[in-house]
Protein backbone atom coordinates (compact mmCIF):
# COMPACT_ATOMS: atom_id res chain seq x y z
CA MET A 1 -18.75 -15.15 -13.92
CA LYS A 2 -20.27 -17.57 -16.43
CA LYS A 3 -23.52 -16.59 -18.14
CA SER A 4 -25.39 -19.52 -16.57
CA VAL A 5 -24.26 -18.48 -13.09
CA LEU A 6 -25.13 -14.85 -13.82
CA SER A 7 -28.62 -15.88 -14.97
CA GLN A 8 -29.11 -17.84 -11.75
CA LEU A 9 -27.98 -14.86 -9.72
CA ILE A 10 -30.39 -12.52 -11.50
CA ALA A 11 -33.23 -14.94 -10.84
CA CYS A 12 -32.19 -15.18 -7.17
CA LEU A 13 -32.10 -11.39 -6.82
CA ALA A 14 -35.61 -11.20 -8.31
CA LEU A 15 -36.84 -13.61 -5.64
CA VAL A 16 -35.10 -11.53 -2.98
CA ALA A 17 -36.96 -8.45 -4.21
CA LEU A 18 -40.28 -10.29 -3.84
CA PHE A 19 -39.30 -11.52 -0.38
CA THR A 20 -38.30 -8.00 0.69
CA ALA A 21 -41.57 -6.56 -0.54
CA SER A 22 -43.60 -9.13 1.41
CA VAL A 23 -41.72 -8.47 4.66
CA GLU A 24 -41.75 -4.71 4.14
CA ALA A 25 -45.54 -4.74 4.11
CA GLN A 26 -45.42 -5.83 7.78
CA HIS A 27 -43.68 -2.66 8.94
CA SER A 28 -45.14 0.60 10.17
CA ASN A 29 -43.99 3.63 12.12
CA LYS A 30 -45.39 2.07 15.28
CA ILE A 31 -42.78 0.18 17.29
CA PRO A 32 -43.85 -3.49 17.61
CA SER A 33 -44.84 -4.52 21.13
CA SER A 34 -42.68 -7.63 20.74
CA LEU A 35 -39.54 -5.47 20.93
CA SER A 36 -37.88 -4.43 24.18
CA GLY A 37 -34.86 -2.44 25.38
CA LYS A 38 -32.40 -1.27 22.74
CA ALA A 39 -34.28 -3.11 20.00
CA ARG A 40 -37.07 -0.53 20.29
CA GLU A 41 -34.56 2.27 19.75
CA TYR A 42 -33.02 0.44 16.81
CA TYR A 43 -36.44 -0.02 15.21
CA ALA A 44 -37.17 3.69 15.52
CA GLY A 45 -33.91 4.47 13.76
CA ALA A 46 -34.29 1.66 11.23
CA ILE A 47 -37.61 2.87 9.86
CA GLN A 48 -35.97 6.29 9.44
CA ASP A 49 -33.53 4.53 7.11
CA ASP A 50 -30.49 4.71 9.41
CA GLU A 51 -28.14 1.92 8.28
CA TYR A 52 -26.54 1.36 11.68
CA SER A 53 -29.93 0.99 13.34
CA GLN A 54 -30.95 -1.42 10.57
CA LEU A 55 -27.82 -3.48 11.15
CA ALA A 56 -28.31 -3.51 14.93
CA LEU A 57 -31.98 -4.44 14.60
CA ALA A 58 -31.09 -7.30 12.24
CA VAL A 59 -28.66 -8.65 14.85
CA CYS A 60 -31.41 -8.44 17.48
CA TYR A 61 -33.76 -10.50 15.33
CA GLN A 62 -31.05 -12.99 14.39
CA ASN A 63 -29.99 -13.61 17.99
CA GLY A 64 -33.34 -13.11 19.71
CA GLU A 65 -32.01 -10.24 21.82
CA GLY A 66 -34.75 -7.72 22.67
CA ALA A 67 -36.77 -9.23 19.84
CA PRO A 68 -38.27 -12.61 19.00
CA LYS A 69 -35.80 -14.68 16.99
CA ASP A 70 -36.91 -14.14 13.41
CA TYR A 71 -34.51 -14.87 10.55
CA ASN A 72 -36.87 -13.38 7.97
CA GLN A 73 -36.81 -10.05 9.77
CA ALA A 74 -33.05 -10.33 10.24
CA ILE A 75 -32.53 -10.85 6.51
CA TYR A 76 -34.85 -7.96 5.70
CA TRP A 77 -32.95 -5.47 7.86
CA TYR A 78 -29.53 -6.82 6.85
CA GLN A 79 -30.62 -6.31 3.24
CA LYS A 80 -31.60 -2.71 3.97
CA ALA A 81 -28.21 -1.95 5.53
CA ALA A 82 -26.28 -3.99 2.95
CA ASP A 83 -27.88 -1.99 0.14
CA LYS A 84 -26.30 1.08 1.74
CA ASP A 85 -22.89 -0.63 1.47
CA ASN A 86 -22.69 -1.49 5.15
CA VAL A 87 -19.89 -4.06 5.07
CA ILE A 88 -20.92 -5.92 8.24
CA ALA A 89 -24.46 -6.30 6.95
CA GLN A 90 -23.15 -7.55 3.62
CA TYR A 91 -21.05 -10.21 5.32
CA ASN A 92 -23.85 -11.25 7.69
CA LEU A 93 -26.32 -11.45 4.81
CA GLY A 94 -23.86 -13.73 3.04
CA VAL A 95 -23.77 -15.97 6.10
CA MET A 96 -27.57 -16.17 6.21
CA TYR A 97 -27.72 -17.35 2.61
CA ASP A 98 -24.69 -19.61 3.06
CA GLN A 99 -26.27 -21.41 6.02
CA GLY A 100 -29.89 -21.25 4.87
CA MET A 101 -31.04 -19.23 7.86
CA GLY A 102 -34.61 -18.06 7.17
CA VAL A 103 -34.18 -18.70 3.45
CA PRO A 104 -33.33 -21.70 1.28
CA GLN A 105 -29.56 -22.19 1.20
CA ASN A 106 -28.19 -20.24 -1.75
CA TYR A 107 -24.45 -20.32 -2.40
CA GLU A 108 -24.68 -17.90 -5.33
CA LEU A 109 -26.22 -15.16 -3.20
CA ALA A 110 -23.85 -15.96 -0.34
CA ALA A 111 -20.86 -15.53 -2.66
CA PHE A 112 -22.39 -12.34 -4.10
CA TRP A 113 -22.56 -10.67 -0.68
CA TYR A 114 -19.24 -12.09 0.51
CA GLN A 115 -17.59 -10.61 -2.54
CA LYS A 116 -19.08 -7.17 -1.91
CA ALA A 117 -17.75 -7.18 1.67
CA ALA A 118 -14.43 -8.77 0.68
CA MET A 119 -13.77 -6.03 -1.85
CA ARG A 120 -14.06 -3.58 1.04
CA ASP A 121 -11.41 -5.41 3.06
CA ASP A 122 -13.59 -7.32 5.50
CA ALA A 123 -11.30 -10.18 6.55
CA MET A 124 -14.05 -12.65 7.46
CA ALA A 125 -15.77 -12.02 4.13
CA GLN A 126 -12.46 -12.56 2.37
CA CYS A 127 -12.10 -15.95 4.07
CA SER A 128 -15.67 -16.89 3.22
CA LEU A 129 -15.26 -15.84 -0.40
CA ALA A 130 -12.05 -17.87 -0.54
CA ASN A 131 -14.00 -20.87 0.76
CA CYS A 132 -16.53 -20.37 -2.05
CA TYR A 133 -13.73 -20.53 -4.62
CA PHE A 134 -11.96 -23.40 -2.84
CA ASN A 135 -15.09 -25.56 -2.60
CA GLY A 136 -16.78 -24.43 -5.80
CA GLU A 137 -19.85 -23.19 -3.94
CA GLY A 138 -21.53 -20.23 -5.64
CA MET A 139 -18.39 -19.72 -7.69
CA LYS A 140 -16.49 -21.88 -10.14
CA LYS A 141 -13.83 -23.79 -8.22
CA ASP A 142 -10.59 -21.85 -8.49
CA TYR A 143 -7.74 -22.61 -6.06
CA LYS A 144 -5.69 -19.66 -7.29
CA LYS A 145 -8.45 -17.18 -6.44
CA ALA A 146 -9.07 -18.98 -3.16
CA ALA A 147 -5.41 -18.60 -2.20
CA TYR A 148 -5.52 -14.91 -3.21
CA TRP A 149 -8.45 -14.17 -0.90
CA TYR A 150 -7.03 -16.25 1.94
CA GLU A 151 -3.87 -14.17 1.64
CA GLN A 152 -5.85 -10.91 1.77
CA ALA A 153 -7.40 -12.03 5.04
CA ALA A 154 -4.12 -13.45 6.36
CA MET A 155 -2.32 -10.17 5.77
CA GLN A 156 -4.89 -8.51 8.03
CA GLY A 157 -4.00 -10.92 10.81
CA ASN A 158 -7.04 -13.16 10.42
CA ALA A 159 -6.16 -16.54 11.93
CA VAL A 160 -8.50 -18.53 9.69
CA GLY A 161 -7.04 -16.89 6.61
CA GLN A 162 -3.52 -17.58 7.86
CA ARG A 163 -4.25 -21.23 8.52
CA CYS A 164 -6.03 -21.74 5.19
CA LEU A 165 -3.22 -20.00 3.31
CA GLY A 166 -0.85 -22.36 5.11
CA ILE A 167 -2.90 -25.29 3.80
CA CYS A 168 -2.66 -23.89 0.25
CA TYR A 169 1.13 -23.80 0.52
CA ASP A 170 1.23 -27.17 2.27
CA GLU A 171 -0.79 -28.88 -0.47
CA GLY A 172 0.26 -26.72 -3.43
CA GLN A 173 -3.32 -25.61 -4.11
CA GLY A 174 -3.49 -22.29 -5.96
CA VAL A 175 0.15 -21.57 -5.15
CA LYS A 176 3.46 -23.35 -5.64
CA LYS A 177 3.93 -25.95 -2.93
CA ASP A 178 6.18 -24.54 -0.23
CA GLN A 179 6.03 -26.18 3.18
CA LYS A 180 8.38 -23.61 4.67
CA LYS A 181 5.81 -20.92 3.92
CA ALA A 182 3.10 -23.27 5.10
CA ALA A 183 4.85 -23.55 8.47
CA GLU A 184 5.21 -19.78 8.69
CA TRP A 185 1.51 -19.21 8.15
CA TYR A 186 0.50 -22.07 10.43
CA LEU A 187 2.66 -20.52 13.14
CA LYS A 188 0.95 -17.13 12.83
CA ALA A 189 -2.46 -18.76 13.18
CA ALA A 190 -1.32 -21.19 15.87
CA GLU A 191 -0.03 -18.33 18.00
CA GLN A 192 -3.52 -16.86 17.86
CA GLY A 193 -4.95 -20.09 19.24
CA ASP A 194 -6.22 -21.70 16.06
CA SER A 195 -6.32 -25.40 16.97
CA ASP A 196 -6.25 -26.68 13.39
CA ALA A 197 -3.14 -24.62 12.70
CA GLN A 198 -1.56 -25.91 15.91
CA TYR A 199 -2.23 -29.48 14.79
CA ASN A 200 -0.89 -28.87 11.27
CA LEU A 201 2.23 -27.18 12.62
CA GLY A 202 2.78 -30.06 15.01
CA VAL A 203 2.61 -32.51 12.09
CA LEU A 204 5.20 -30.51 10.13
CA TYR A 205 7.59 -30.58 13.10
CA LEU A 206 6.96 -34.28 13.56
CA GLU A 207 7.73 -35.04 9.91
CA GLY A 208 10.41 -32.40 9.43
CA LYS A 209 8.64 -30.78 6.49
CA GLY A 210 9.22 -27.03 6.04
CA VAL A 211 10.89 -26.97 9.47
CA LYS A 212 13.66 -28.88 11.16
CA LYS A 213 12.34 -32.14 12.58
CA ASP A 214 11.68 -31.60 16.26
CA LYS A 215 9.60 -34.10 18.25
CA LYS A 216 9.54 -31.81 21.29
CA LYS A 217 8.08 -28.88 19.36
CA ALA A 218 5.70 -31.24 17.60
CA ALA A 219 4.39 -32.43 20.96
CA GLU A 220 4.15 -28.84 22.20
CA TRP A 221 1.85 -27.77 19.37
CA LEU A 222 -0.12 -31.00 19.35
CA ASN A 223 -0.72 -30.62 23.09
CA LYS A 224 -2.03 -27.09 22.52
CA ALA A 225 -4.44 -28.42 19.88
CA ALA A 226 -5.45 -31.35 22.09
CA ALA A 227 -6.16 -29.00 24.98
CA GLN A 228 -8.79 -27.38 22.76
CA GLY A 229 -10.42 -30.73 22.07
CA ASP A 230 -8.75 -31.68 18.79
CA GLU A 231 -9.25 -35.44 18.61
CA ASP A 232 -6.68 -35.95 15.83
CA ALA A 233 -4.06 -34.25 17.99
CA LYS A 234 -4.93 -36.51 20.93
CA THR A 235 -4.64 -39.61 18.76
CA LEU A 236 -1.31 -38.54 17.29
CA LEU A 237 0.11 -37.73 20.73
CA LYS A 238 -0.71 -41.28 21.88
CA ARG A 239 1.05 -42.68 18.83
CA ILE A 240 4.26 -40.71 19.28
CA ALA A 241 4.31 -41.45 23.03
CA LYS A 242 4.73 -45.17 22.35
């Protein structure tokens, strides 16, 4: 990580500490009257420093289930659980910073938490970290590292990782261009119902790239993508029907 990026991250973490302190001052041993059902149980466990209760309470606040929707509270409790190395909390905290939910959007902090979860084999975090490298958001753009993390997720059966790894092979980004391998990874994702992979696989069959040209199979996969609302697939099906 470059020094300038590291300095930004340190500054961001300092702001997080201030934010955490301000939210923490709102908490007491008394269960808030705004909570209901399971959220009350989770709060009781959370203030006793139980990481699973902290994670569950954060989800309640994020989704407004048994608690008023409050992203600040969600971030606070995710942070508590994430600091205990709870991998789900680490990933979810990354998402909050990535999307600017309750906090200003911060790609550096998003990448920081994605990386922590990715290193512990969380497939969604691995995909998100790969996206950071692929797009140069919170990390220096690096297609090779992006492909590496997509592959880690793909090997766990994650459809998004499989499709994105297919794109890397299709375009030769971070790996040597190999449309046969691209087709193989698209197929794995397409069989799991990933509409983008279904479209991409259909295009390869239509053009005979990485697979034997087969208009029937192309139409089959494009129809599957179109059935899920893929507009590009619908347009292409009209073109090949002429």
